Amino acid sequence: MRVEELTAKILKNNPSMDNYQLAIAVAKRMDELLNGATSKLNIDPKSIKAADLALMEIAEGLIVVKGFTDIEK
């Protein structure tokens, strides 16, 4: 899936999140991946850019961005 499609999917599923907040979330997850965190997807992290992998994890709902979900408690 293309970056634009992943971004649109995330923003559609999280209407309280905007592009800037998503960029911060991707940057934080990317930093974790680059510092040795294991991917939650079955993808070799050396075969894909860390930013793309972080975006894919967020789009699949494997990474929850605190403060930007619309789940009611």
PDB file of N, CA and C in Angstrom:
ATOM      1  N   MET A   1       0.847  -1.178   0.000  1.00  0.00           N
ATOM      2  CA  MET A   1       0.000   0.000   0.000  1.00  0.00           C
ATOM      3  C   MET A   1       0.891   1.239   0.000  1.00  0.00           C
ATOM      4  N   ARG A   2       0.478   2.251  -0.710  1.00  0.00           N
ATOM      5  CA  ARG A   2       1.260   3.477  -0.811  1.00  0.00           C
ATOM      6  C   ARG A   2       1.130   4.317   0.451  1.00  0.00           C
ATOM      7  N   VAL A   3       2.113   5.178   0.645  1.00  0.00           N
ATOM      8  CA  VAL A   3       2.155   6.035   1.833  1.00  0.00           C
ATOM      9  C   VAL A   3       0.898   6.889   1.933  1.00  0.00           C
ATOM     10  N   GLU A   4       0.446   7.416   0.811  1.00  0.00           N
ATOM     11  CA  GLU A   4      -0.749   8.266   0.821  1.00  0.00           C
ATOM     12  C   GLU A   4      -1.980   7.478   1.262  1.00  0.00           C
ATOM     13  N   GLU A   5      -2.086   6.227   0.810  1.00  0.00           N
ATOM     14  CA  GLU A   5      -3.220   5.396   1.176  1.00  0.00           C
ATOM     15  C   GLU A   5      -3.179   5.040   2.667  1.00  0.00           C
ATOM     16  N   LEU A   6      -1.985   4.740   3.169  1.00  0.00           N
ATOM     17  CA  LEU A   6      -1.839   4.430   4.588  1.00  0.00           C
ATOM     18  C   LEU A   6      -2.202   5.634   5.444  1.00  0.00           C
ATOM     19  N   THR A   7      -1.723   6.799   5.043  1.00  0.00           N
ATOM     20  CA  THR A   7      -2.020   8.031   5.785  1.00  0.00           C
ATOM     21  C   THR A   7      -3.517   8.303   5.800  1.00  0.00           C
ATOM     22  N   ALA A   8      -4.165   8.157   4.643  1.00  0.00           N
ATOM     23  CA  ALA A   8      -5.608   8.386   4.555  1.00  0.00           C
ATOM     24  C   ALA A   8      -6.368   7.397   5.432  1.00  0.00           C
ATOM     25  N   LYS A   9      -5.928   6.137   5.454  1.00  0.00           N
ATOM     26  CA  LYS A   9      -6.575   5.115   6.274  1.00  0.00           C
ATOM     27  C   LYS A   9      -6.478   5.459   7.758  1.00  0.00           C
ATOM     28  N   ILE A  10      -5.300   5.886   8.188  1.00  0.00           N
ATOM     29  CA  ILE A  10      -5.100   6.233   9.601  1.00  0.00           C
ATOM     30  C   ILE A  10      -5.965   7.423   9.983  1.00  0.00           C
ATOM     31  N   LEU A  11      -5.947   8.461   9.156  1.00  0.00           N
ATOM     32  CA  LEU A  11      -6.705   9.671   9.480  1.00  0.00           C
ATOM     33  C   LEU A  11      -8.211   9.429   9.425  1.00  0.00           C
ATOM     34  N   LYS A  12      -8.648   8.521   8.561  1.00  0.00           N
ATOM     35  CA  LYS A  12     -10.073   8.186   8.486  1.00  0.00           C
ATOM     36  C   LYS A  12     -10.505   7.439   9.749  1.00  0.00           C
ATOM     37  N   ASN A  13      -9.660   6.536  10.224  1.00  0.00           N
ATOM     38  CA  ASN A  13      -9.993   5.746  11.407  1.00  0.00           C
ATOM     39  C   ASN A  13      -9.807   6.514  12.708  1.00  0.00           C
ATOM     40  N   ASN A  14      -9.087   7.626  12.661  1.00  0.00           N
ATOM     41  CA  ASN A  14      -8.823   8.453  13.848  1.00  0.00           C
ATOM     42  C   ASN A  14      -9.118   9.917  13.529  1.00  0.00           C
ATOM     43  N   PRO A  15     -10.397  10.295  13.488  1.00  0.00           N
ATOM     44  CA  PRO A  15     -10.741  11.664  13.093  1.00  0.00           C
ATOM     45  C   PRO A  15     -10.210  12.746  14.022  1.00  0.00           C
ATOM     46  N   SER A  16      -9.840  12.392  15.255  1.00  0.00           N
ATOM     47  CA  SER A  16      -9.317  13.400  16.170  1.00  0.00           C
ATOM     48  C   SER A  16      -7.826  13.657  15.944  1.00  0.00           C
ATOM     49  N   MET A  17      -7.201  12.913  15.043  1.00  0.00           N
ATOM     50  CA  MET A  17      -5.768  13.070  14.748  1.00  0.00           C
ATOM     51  C   MET A  17      -5.613  13.878  13.455  1.00  0.00           C
ATOM     52  N   ASP A  18      -4.622  14.764  13.427  1.00  0.00           N
ATOM     53  CA  ASP A  18      -4.341  15.488  12.196  1.00  0.00           C
ATOM     54  C   ASP A  18      -2.976  15.066  11.647  1.00  0.00           C
ATOM     55  N   ASN A  19      -2.609  15.620  10.505  1.00  0.00           N
ATOM     56  CA  ASN A  19      -1.366  15.236   9.829  1.00  0.00           C
ATOM     57  C   ASN A  19      -0.130  15.449  10.701  1.00  0.00           C
ATOM     58  N   TYR A  20      -0.117  16.519  11.447  1.00  0.00           N
ATOM     59  CA  TYR A  20       1.051  16.838  12.276  1.00  0.00           C
ATOM     60  C   TYR A  20       1.199  15.853  13.429  1.00  0.00           C
ATOM     61  N   GLN A  21       0.090  15.507  14.044  1.00  0.00           N
ATOM     62  CA  GLN A  21       0.118  14.532  15.126  1.00  0.00           C
ATOM     63  C   GLN A  21       0.546  13.162  14.610  1.00  0.00           C
ATOM     64  N   LEU A  22       0.081  12.816  13.419  1.00  0.00           N
ATOM     65  CA  LEU A  22       0.490  11.555  12.806  1.00  0.00           C
ATOM     66  C   LEU A  22       1.988  11.562  12.521  1.00  0.00           C
ATOM     67  N   ALA A  23       2.500  12.670  12.041  1.00  0.00           N
ATOM     68  CA  ALA A  23       3.934  12.767  11.758  1.00  0.00           C
ATOM     69  C   ALA A  23       4.759  12.566  13.030  1.00  0.00           C
ATOM     70  N   ILE A  24       4.291  13.119  14.139  1.00  0.00           N
ATOM     71  CA  ILE A  24       4.989  12.949  15.410  1.00  0.00           C
ATOM     72  C   ILE A  24       4.951  11.488  15.844  1.00  0.00           C
ATOM     73  N   ALA A  25       3.791  10.851  15.705  1.00  0.00           N
ATOM     74  CA  ALA A  25       3.652   9.440  16.088  1.00  0.00           C
ATOM     75  C   ALA A  25       4.555   8.554  15.236  1.00  0.00           C
ATOM     76  N   VAL A  26       4.606   8.815  13.939  1.00  0.00           N
ATOM     77  CA  VAL A  26       5.468   8.036  13.042  1.00  0.00           C
ATOM     78  C   VAL A  26       6.930   8.253  13.413  1.00  0.00           C
ATOM     79  N   ALA A  27       7.302   9.483  13.704  1.00  0.00           N
ATOM     80  CA  ALA A  27       8.692   9.772  14.070  1.00  0.00           C
ATOM     81  C   ALA A  27       9.092   9.059  15.359  1.00  0.00           C
ATOM     82  N   LYS A  28       8.196   9.030  16.341  1.00  0.00           N
ATOM     83  CA  LYS A  28       8.506   8.347  17.601  1.00  0.00           C
ATOM     84  C   LYS A  28       8.660   6.849  17.392  1.00  0.00           C
ATOM     85  N   ARG A  29       7.753   6.246  16.619  1.00  0.00           N
ATOM     86  CA  ARG A  29       7.848   4.809  16.362  1.00  0.00           C
ATOM     87  C   ARG A  29       9.078   4.498  15.507  1.00  0.00           C
ATOM     88  N   MET A  30       9.382   5.352  14.557  1.00  0.00           N
ATOM     89  CA  MET A  30      10.554   5.172  13.718  1.00  0.00           C
ATOM     90  C   MET A  30      11.815   5.201  14.570  1.00  0.00           C
ATOM     91  N   ASP A  31      11.877   6.102  15.525  1.00  0.00           N
ATOM     92  CA  ASP A  31      13.022   6.187  16.426  1.00  0.00           C
ATOM     93  C   ASP A  31      13.161   4.904  17.239  1.00  0.00           C
ATOM     94  N   GLU A  32      12.040   4.380  17.712  1.00  0.00           N
ATOM     95  CA  GLU A  32      12.071   3.114  18.450  1.00  0.00           C
ATOM     96  C   GLU A  32      12.612   1.986  17.573  1.00  0.00           C
ATOM     97  N   LEU A  33      12.136   1.918  16.336  1.00  0.00           N
ATOM     98  CA  LEU A  33      12.586   0.865  15.420  1.00  0.00           C
ATOM     99  C   LEU A  33      14.074   0.983  15.121  1.00  0.00           C
ATOM    100  N   LEU A  34      14.536   2.194  14.925  1.00  0.00           N
ATOM    101  CA  LEU A  34      15.952   2.406  14.624  1.00  0.00           C
ATOM    102  C   LEU A  34      16.847   2.116  15.826  1.00  0.00           C
ATOM    103  N   ASN A  35      16.267   2.167  17.023  1.00  0.00           N
ATOM    104  CA  ASN A  35      17.029   1.886  18.237  1.00  0.00           C
ATOM    105  C   ASN A  35      16.860   0.448  18.720  1.00  0.00           C
ATOM    106  N   GLY A  36      16.358  -0.424  17.856  1.00  0.00           N
ATOM    107  CA  GLY A  36      16.340  -1.844  18.168  1.00  0.00           C
ATOM    108  C   GLY A  36      15.008  -2.478  18.513  1.00  0.00           C
ATOM    109  N   ALA A  37      13.920  -1.721  18.514  1.00  0.00           N
ATOM    110  CA  ALA A  37      12.612  -2.317  18.800  1.00  0.00           C
ATOM    111  C   ALA A  37      12.250  -3.285  17.676  1.00  0.00           C
ATOM    112  N   THR A  38      11.572  -4.361  18.032  1.00  0.00           N
ATOM    113  CA  THR A  38      11.169  -5.323  17.014  1.00  0.00           C
ATOM    114  C   THR A  38       9.878  -4.878  16.353  1.00  0.00           C
ATOM    115  N   SER A  39       9.776  -5.175  15.081  1.00  0.00           N
ATOM    116  CA  SER A  39       8.590  -4.814  14.322  1.00  0.00           C
ATOM    117  C   SER A  39       7.428  -5.709  14.713  1.00  0.00           C
ATOM    118  N   LYS A  40       6.237  -5.160  14.696  1.00  0.00           N
ATOM    119  CA  LYS A  40       5.045  -5.928  15.000  1.00  0.00           C
ATOM    120  C   LYS A  40       4.471  -6.577  13.742  1.00  0.00           C
ATOM    121  N   LEU A  41       5.077  -6.315  12.613  1.00  0.00           N
ATOM    122  CA  LEU A  41       4.702  -6.938  11.345  1.00  0.00           C
ATOM    123  C   LEU A  41       5.758  -7.972  10.970  1.00  0.00           C
ATOM    124  N   ASN A  42       5.384  -8.933  10.181  1.00  0.00           N
ATOM    125  CA  ASN A  42       6.337  -9.949   9.736  1.00  0.00           C
ATOM    126  C   ASN A  42       7.089  -9.464   8.502  1.00  0.00           C
ATOM    127  N   ILE A  43       7.797  -8.355   8.666  1.00  0.00           N
ATOM    128  CA  ILE A  43       8.573  -7.761   7.584  1.00  0.00           C
ATOM    129  C   ILE A  43       9.988  -7.548   8.092  1.00  0.00           C
ATOM    130  N   ASP A  44      10.943  -7.876   7.261  1.00  0.00           N
ATOM    131  CA  ASP A  44      12.340  -7.650   7.625  1.00  0.00           C
ATOM    132  C   ASP A  44      12.586  -6.144   7.660  1.00  0.00           C
ATOM    133  N   PRO A  45      12.949  -5.600   8.817  1.00  0.00           N
ATOM    134  CA  PRO A  45      13.139  -4.150   8.924  1.00  0.00           C
ATOM    135  C   PRO A  45      14.268  -3.612   8.045  1.00  0.00           C
ATOM    136  N   LYS A  46      15.140  -4.483   7.583  1.00  0.00           N
ATOM    137  CA  LYS A  46      16.230  -4.033   6.716  1.00  0.00           C
ATOM    138  C   LYS A  46      15.787  -3.911   5.256  1.00  0.00           C
ATOM    139  N   SER A  47      14.599  -4.449   4.942  1.00  0.00           N
ATOM    140  CA  SER A  47      14.113  -4.404   3.566  1.00  0.00           C
ATOM    141  C   SER A  47      13.169  -3.233   3.304  1.00  0.00           C
ATOM    142  N   ILE A  48      12.889  -2.443   4.338  1.00  0.00           N
ATOM    143  CA  ILE A  48      11.939  -1.338   4.204  1.00  0.00           C
ATOM    144  C   ILE A  48      12.419  -0.178   5.079  1.00  0.00           C
ATOM    145  N   LYS A  49      12.080   1.021   4.680  1.00  0.00           N
ATOM    146  CA  LYS A  49      12.455   2.190   5.473  1.00  0.00           C
ATOM    147  C   LYS A  49      11.702   2.180   6.800  1.00  0.00           C
ATOM    148  N   ALA A  50      12.363   2.654   7.841  1.00  0.00           N
ATOM    149  CA  ALA A  50      11.762   2.665   9.175  1.00  0.00           C
ATOM    150  C   ALA A  50      10.493   3.514   9.208  1.00  0.00           C
ATOM    151  N   ALA A  51      10.462   4.612   8.491  1.00  0.00           N
ATOM    152  CA  ALA A  51       9.273   5.472   8.478  1.00  0.00           C
ATOM    153  C   ALA A  51       8.087   4.749   7.837  1.00  0.00           C
ATOM    154  N   ASP A  52       8.341   4.017   6.762  1.00  0.00           N
ATOM    155  CA  ASP A  52       7.264   3.269   6.110  1.00  0.00           C
ATOM    156  C   ASP A  52       6.759   2.148   7.010  1.00  0.00           C
ATOM    157  N   LEU A  53       7.670   1.481   7.687  1.00  0.00           N
ATOM    158  CA  LEU A  53       7.294   0.408   8.594  1.00  0.00           C
ATOM    159  C   LEU A  53       6.465   0.951   9.758  1.00  0.00           C
ATOM    160  N   ALA A  54       6.862   2.074  10.310  1.00  0.00           N
ATOM    161  CA  ALA A  54       6.119   2.699  11.400  1.00  0.00           C
ATOM    162  C   ALA A  54       4.717   3.085  10.947  1.00  0.00           C
ATOM    163  N   LEU A  55       4.609   3.636   9.767  1.00  0.00           N
ATOM    164  CA  LEU A  55       3.314   4.036   9.221  1.00  0.00           C
ATOM    165  C   LEU A  55       2.428   2.812   9.004  1.00  0.00           C
ATOM    166  N   MET A  56       3.007   1.728   8.514  1.00  0.00           N
ATOM    167  CA  MET A  56       2.249   0.498   8.294  1.00  0.00           C
ATOM    168  C   MET A  56       1.738  -0.080   9.613  1.00  0.00           C
ATOM    169  N   GLU A  57       2.569  -0.050  10.642  1.00  0.00           N
ATOM    170  CA  GLU A  57       2.157  -0.564  11.953  1.00  0.00           C
ATOM    171  C   GLU A  57       1.008   0.256  12.533  1.00  0.00           C
ATOM    172  N   ILE A  58       1.071   1.559  12.389  1.00  0.00           N
ATOM    173  CA  ILE A  58       0.007   2.424  12.897  1.00  0.00           C
ATOM    174  C   ILE A  58      -1.279   2.202  12.100  1.00  0.00           C
ATOM    175  N   ALA A  59      -1.157   2.066  10.779  1.00  0.00           N
ATOM    176  CA  ALA A  59      -2.329   1.857   9.927  1.00  0.00           C
ATOM    177  C   ALA A  59      -3.033   0.540  10.237  1.00  0.00           C
ATOM    178  N   GLU A  60      -2.271  -0.479  10.589  1.00  0.00           N
ATOM    179  CA  GLU A  60      -2.859  -1.781  10.911  1.00  0.00           C
ATOM    180  C   GLU A  60      -3.398  -1.834  12.334  1.00  0.00           C
ATOM    181  N   GLY A  61      -3.192  -0.788  13.107  1.00  0.00           N
ATOM    182  CA  GLY A  61      -3.690  -0.752  14.476  1.00  0.00           C
ATOM    183  C   GLY A  61      -2.814  -1.504  15.459  1.00  0.00           C
ATOM    184  N   LEU A  62      -1.605  -1.854  15.037  1.00  0.00           N
ATOM    185  CA  LEU A  62      -0.688  -2.576  15.920  1.00  0.00           C
ATOM    186  C   LEU A  62      -0.007  -1.645  16.911  1.00  0.00           C
ATOM    187  N   ILE A  63       0.046  -0.374  16.569  1.00  0.00           N
ATOM    188  CA  ILE A  63       0.603   0.656  17.434  1.00  0.00           C
ATOM    189  C   ILE A  63      -0.530   1.618  17.761  1.00  0.00           C
ATOM    190  N   VAL A  64      -0.811   1.780  19.021  1.00  0.00           N
ATOM    191  CA  VAL A  64      -1.864   2.696  19.449  1.00  0.00           C
ATOM    192  C   VAL A  64      -1.223   4.026  19.811  1.00  0.00           C
ATOM    193  N   VAL A  65      -1.719   5.073  19.201  1.00  0.00           N
ATOM    194  CA  VAL A  65      -1.202   6.410  19.465  1.00  0.00           C
ATOM    195  C   VAL A  65      -2.027   6.993  20.597  1.00  0.00           C
ATOM    196  N   LYS A  66      -1.437   7.115  21.756  1.00  0.00           N
ATOM    197  CA  LYS A  66      -2.162   7.585  22.933  1.00  0.00           C
ATOM    198  C   LYS A  66      -2.666   9.008  22.746  1.00  0.00           C
ATOM    199  N   GLY A  67      -3.901   9.214  23.136  1.00  0.00           N
ATOM    200  CA  GLY A  67      -4.494  10.543  23.087  1.00  0.00           C
ATOM    201  C   GLY A  67      -5.190  10.865  21.777  1.00  0.00           C
ATOM    202  N   PHE A  68      -5.072   9.989  20.770  1.00  0.00           N
ATOM    203  CA  PHE A  68      -5.669  10.285  19.474  1.00  0.00           C
ATOM    204  C   PHE A  68      -6.637   9.223  18.999  1.00  0.00           C
ATOM    205  N   THR A  69      -7.061   8.331  19.875  1.00  0.00           N
ATOM    206  CA  THR A  69      -8.004   7.310  19.463  1.00  0.00           C
ATOM    207  C   THR A  69      -9.407   7.738  19.862  1.00  0.00           C
ATOM    208  N   ASP A  70     -10.381   7.247  19.155  1.00  0.00           N
ATOM    209  CA  ASP A  70     -11.775   7.589  19.425  1.00  0.00           C
ATOM    210  C   ASP A  70     -12.517   6.453  20.105  1.00  0.00           C
ATOM    211  N   ILE A  71     -11.787   5.595  20.796  1.00  0.00           N
ATOM    212  CA  ILE A  71     -12.404   4.479  21.499  1.00  0.00           C
ATOM    213  C   ILE A  71     -13.044   5.020  22.777  1.00  0.00           C
ATOM    214  N   GLU A  72     -14.325   4.747  22.936  1.00  0.00           N
ATOM    215  CA  GLU A  72     -15.025   5.207  24.136  1.00  0.00           C
ATOM    216  C   GLU A  72     -14.861   4.185  25.236  1.00  0.00           C
ATOM    217  N   LYS A  73     -14.690   4.689  26.445  1.00  0.00           N
ATOM    218  CA  LYS A  73     -14.484   3.794  27.587  1.00  0.00           C
ATOM    219  C   LYS A  73     -15.747   3.623  28.364  1.00  0.00           C
TER     220      LYS A  73
END
